[in-house]
């Protein structure tokens, strides 16, 4: 992977934008045959995890 891809990935992670392609590759490699979230579901899940949204989750400020 070129250095600018790693730099862009690091910048996205610093501001809280997860990498869907990396998630899909991980699921295929580690959990083959299991379902993979759609892009919309993936982003919704990451926002909920980051901000503590959902049943049983304590509210978080950031």
N, C-alpha and C. Protein backbone atom coordinates (compact mmCIF):
# COMPACT_ATOMS: atom_id res chain seq x y z
N UNK A 1 0.85 -1.17 0.00
CA UNK A 1 0.00 0.00 0.00
C UNK A 1 0.90 1.24 0.00
N UNK A 2 0.66 2.16 -0.92
CA UNK A 2 1.49 3.37 -0.98
C UNK A 2 1.37 4.20 0.30
N UNK A 3 2.37 4.98 0.57
CA UNK A 3 2.40 5.77 1.81
C UNK A 3 1.25 6.75 1.91
N UNK A 4 0.79 7.29 0.76
CA UNK A 4 -0.30 8.28 0.84
C UNK A 4 -1.62 7.61 1.22
N UNK A 5 -1.78 6.32 0.88
CA UNK A 5 -2.99 5.60 1.31
C UNK A 5 -2.98 5.42 2.82
N UNK A 6 -1.81 5.08 3.35
CA UNK A 6 -1.70 4.92 4.81
C UNK A 6 -1.91 6.26 5.51
N UNK A 7 -1.39 7.33 4.95
CA UNK A 7 -1.57 8.66 5.53
C UNK A 7 -3.05 9.05 5.51
N UNK A 8 -3.72 8.82 4.39
CA UNK A 8 -5.15 9.14 4.29
C UNK A 8 -5.95 8.28 5.26
N UNK A 9 -5.61 7.01 5.37
CA UNK A 9 -6.31 6.12 6.31
C UNK A 9 -6.13 6.61 7.75
N UNK A 10 -4.92 6.98 8.10
CA UNK A 10 -4.65 7.49 9.44
C UNK A 10 -5.42 8.77 9.72
N UNK A 11 -5.48 9.65 8.73
CA UNK A 11 -6.24 10.89 8.90
C UNK A 11 -7.72 10.61 9.09
N UNK A 12 -8.26 9.68 8.32
CA UNK A 12 -9.68 9.33 8.47
C UNK A 12 -9.95 8.75 9.85
N UNK A 13 -9.07 7.89 10.34
CA UNK A 13 -9.27 7.29 11.66
C UNK A 13 -9.18 8.34 12.76
N UNK A 14 -8.32 9.34 12.59
CA UNK A 14 -8.19 10.39 13.60
C UNK A 14 -9.46 11.21 13.76
N UNK A 15 -10.20 11.38 12.68
CA UNK A 15 -11.43 12.16 12.75
C UNK A 15 -12.66 11.26 12.86
N UNK A 16 -12.45 9.97 13.01
CA UNK A 16 -13.56 9.06 13.27
C UNK A 16 -14.28 8.53 12.05
N UNK A 17 -13.63 8.52 10.90
CA UNK A 17 -14.24 7.97 9.69
C UNK A 17 -13.64 6.58 9.47
N UNK A 18 -14.39 5.52 9.77
CA UNK A 18 -13.84 4.18 9.61
C UNK A 18 -13.72 3.77 8.15
N UNK A 19 -12.92 2.76 7.90
CA UNK A 19 -12.63 2.31 6.55
C UNK A 19 -13.46 1.06 6.22
N UNK A 20 -14.51 1.23 5.42
CA UNK A 20 -15.41 0.13 5.06
C UNK A 20 -14.67 -0.96 4.30
N UNK A 21 -13.80 -0.59 3.38
CA UNK A 21 -13.07 -1.60 2.59
C UNK A 21 -12.22 -2.49 3.50
N UNK A 22 -11.61 -1.90 4.51
CA UNK A 22 -10.81 -2.70 5.45
C UNK A 22 -11.71 -3.64 6.24
N UNK A 23 -12.89 -3.16 6.63
CA UNK A 23 -13.85 -3.99 7.35
C UNK A 23 -14.26 -5.20 6.49
N UNK A 24 -14.59 -4.95 5.22
CA UNK A 24 -15.00 -6.04 4.32
C UNK A 24 -13.87 -7.05 4.15
N UNK A 25 -12.65 -6.57 3.98
CA UNK A 25 -11.51 -7.47 3.82
C UNK A 25 -11.29 -8.29 5.09
N UNK A 26 -11.44 -7.67 6.25
CA UNK A 26 -11.30 -8.38 7.52
C UNK A 26 -12.36 -9.48 7.64
N UNK A 27 -13.61 -9.13 7.32
CA UNK A 27 -14.70 -10.12 7.42
C UNK A 27 -14.43 -11.31 6.48
N UNK A 28 -13.96 -11.03 5.28
CA UNK A 28 -13.69 -12.10 4.32
C UNK A 28 -12.54 -12.98 4.79
N UNK A 29 -11.54 -12.38 5.40
CA UNK A 29 -10.35 -13.11 5.83
C UNK A 29 -10.60 -13.89 7.13
N UNK A 30 -11.22 -13.24 8.12
CA UNK A 30 -11.34 -13.84 9.45
C UNK A 30 -12.68 -14.55 9.67
N UNK A 31 -13.72 -14.06 9.02
CA UNK A 31 -15.06 -14.63 9.21
C UNK A 31 -15.69 -15.00 7.87
N UNK A 32 -15.05 -15.87 7.09
CA UNK A 32 -15.59 -16.20 5.77
C UNK A 32 -16.97 -16.86 5.88
N UNK A 33 -17.83 -16.50 4.94
CA UNK A 33 -19.15 -17.09 4.91
C UNK A 33 -20.17 -16.40 5.80
N UNK A 34 -19.73 -15.51 6.69
CA UNK A 34 -20.66 -14.79 7.55
C UNK A 34 -21.11 -13.52 6.85
N UNK A 35 -22.29 -13.01 7.22
CA UNK A 35 -22.80 -11.81 6.55
C UNK A 35 -21.93 -10.58 6.81
N UNK A 36 -21.94 -9.68 5.85
CA UNK A 36 -21.19 -8.42 5.94
C UNK A 36 -22.21 -7.28 5.91
N UNK A 37 -22.03 -6.30 6.80
CA UNK A 37 -22.94 -5.15 6.83
C UNK A 37 -22.84 -4.36 5.53
N UNK A 38 -23.95 -3.76 5.15
CA UNK A 38 -23.92 -2.84 4.01
C UNK A 38 -23.16 -1.59 4.43
N UNK A 39 -22.80 -0.77 3.47
CA UNK A 39 -22.07 0.47 3.78
C UNK A 39 -22.88 1.35 4.73
N UNK A 40 -24.18 1.50 4.47
CA UNK A 40 -25.02 2.32 5.35
C UNK A 40 -25.09 1.75 6.75
N UNK A 41 -25.30 0.44 6.86
CA UNK A 41 -25.36 -0.21 8.17
C UNK A 41 -24.03 -0.09 8.90
N UNK A 42 -22.92 -0.20 8.16
CA UNK A 42 -21.59 -0.08 8.76
C UNK A 42 -21.40 1.30 9.37
N UNK A 43 -21.72 2.35 8.62
CA UNK A 43 -21.55 3.71 9.15
C UNK A 43 -22.48 3.97 10.32
N UNK A 44 -23.71 3.49 10.24
CA UNK A 44 -24.66 3.65 11.35
C UNK A 44 -24.12 2.95 12.60
N UNK A 45 -23.59 1.74 12.43
CA UNK A 45 -23.03 0.98 13.54
C UNK A 45 -21.85 1.72 14.17
N UNK A 46 -20.96 2.26 13.35
CA UNK A 46 -19.79 2.97 13.89
C UNK A 46 -20.19 4.23 14.64
N UNK A 47 -21.19 4.94 14.15
CA UNK A 47 -21.66 6.14 14.84
C UNK A 47 -22.28 5.75 16.18
N UNK A 48 -23.09 4.70 16.18
CA UNK A 48 -23.71 4.24 17.43
C UNK A 48 -22.65 3.81 18.43
N UNK A 49 -21.64 3.10 17.98
CA UNK A 49 -20.56 2.67 18.89
C UNK A 49 -19.76 3.85 19.41
N UNK A 50 -19.53 4.83 18.56
CA UNK A 50 -18.73 5.98 18.98
C UNK A 50 -19.46 6.85 19.99
N UNK A 51 -20.75 7.06 19.77
CA UNK A 51 -21.50 7.98 20.62
C UNK A 51 -22.37 7.29 21.65
N UNK A 52 -22.27 5.99 21.80
CA UNK A 52 -23.01 5.28 22.82
C UNK A 52 -24.51 5.32 22.62
N UNK A 53 -24.95 5.19 21.38
CA UNK A 53 -26.38 5.21 21.07
C UNK A 53 -26.88 3.77 21.08
N UNK A 54 -28.08 3.60 21.55
CA UNK A 54 -28.68 2.27 21.52
C UNK A 54 -29.00 1.75 22.90
N UNK A 55 -29.74 0.66 22.92
CA UNK A 55 -30.19 0.06 24.16
C UNK A 55 -28.99 -0.40 25.00
N UNK A 56 -29.00 0.00 26.27
CA UNK A 56 -27.96 -0.42 27.19
C UNK A 56 -26.64 0.32 27.07
N UNK A 57 -26.58 1.30 26.20
CA UNK A 57 -25.34 2.06 26.01
C UNK A 57 -25.39 3.35 26.83
N UNK A 58 -24.38 3.63 27.60
CA UNK A 58 -24.37 4.91 28.33
C UNK A 58 -24.13 6.06 27.36
N UNK A 59 -24.76 7.22 27.59
CA UNK A 59 -24.50 8.36 26.71
C UNK A 59 -23.05 8.82 26.83
N UNK A 60 -22.47 9.16 25.72
CA UNK A 60 -21.09 9.62 25.68
C UNK A 60 -21.04 10.98 25.01
N UNK A 61 -20.10 11.78 25.42
CA UNK A 61 -19.99 13.10 24.80
C UNK A 61 -19.17 13.06 23.52
N UNK A 62 -18.25 12.10 23.39
CA UNK A 62 -17.42 12.03 22.19
C UNK A 62 -16.83 10.65 22.02
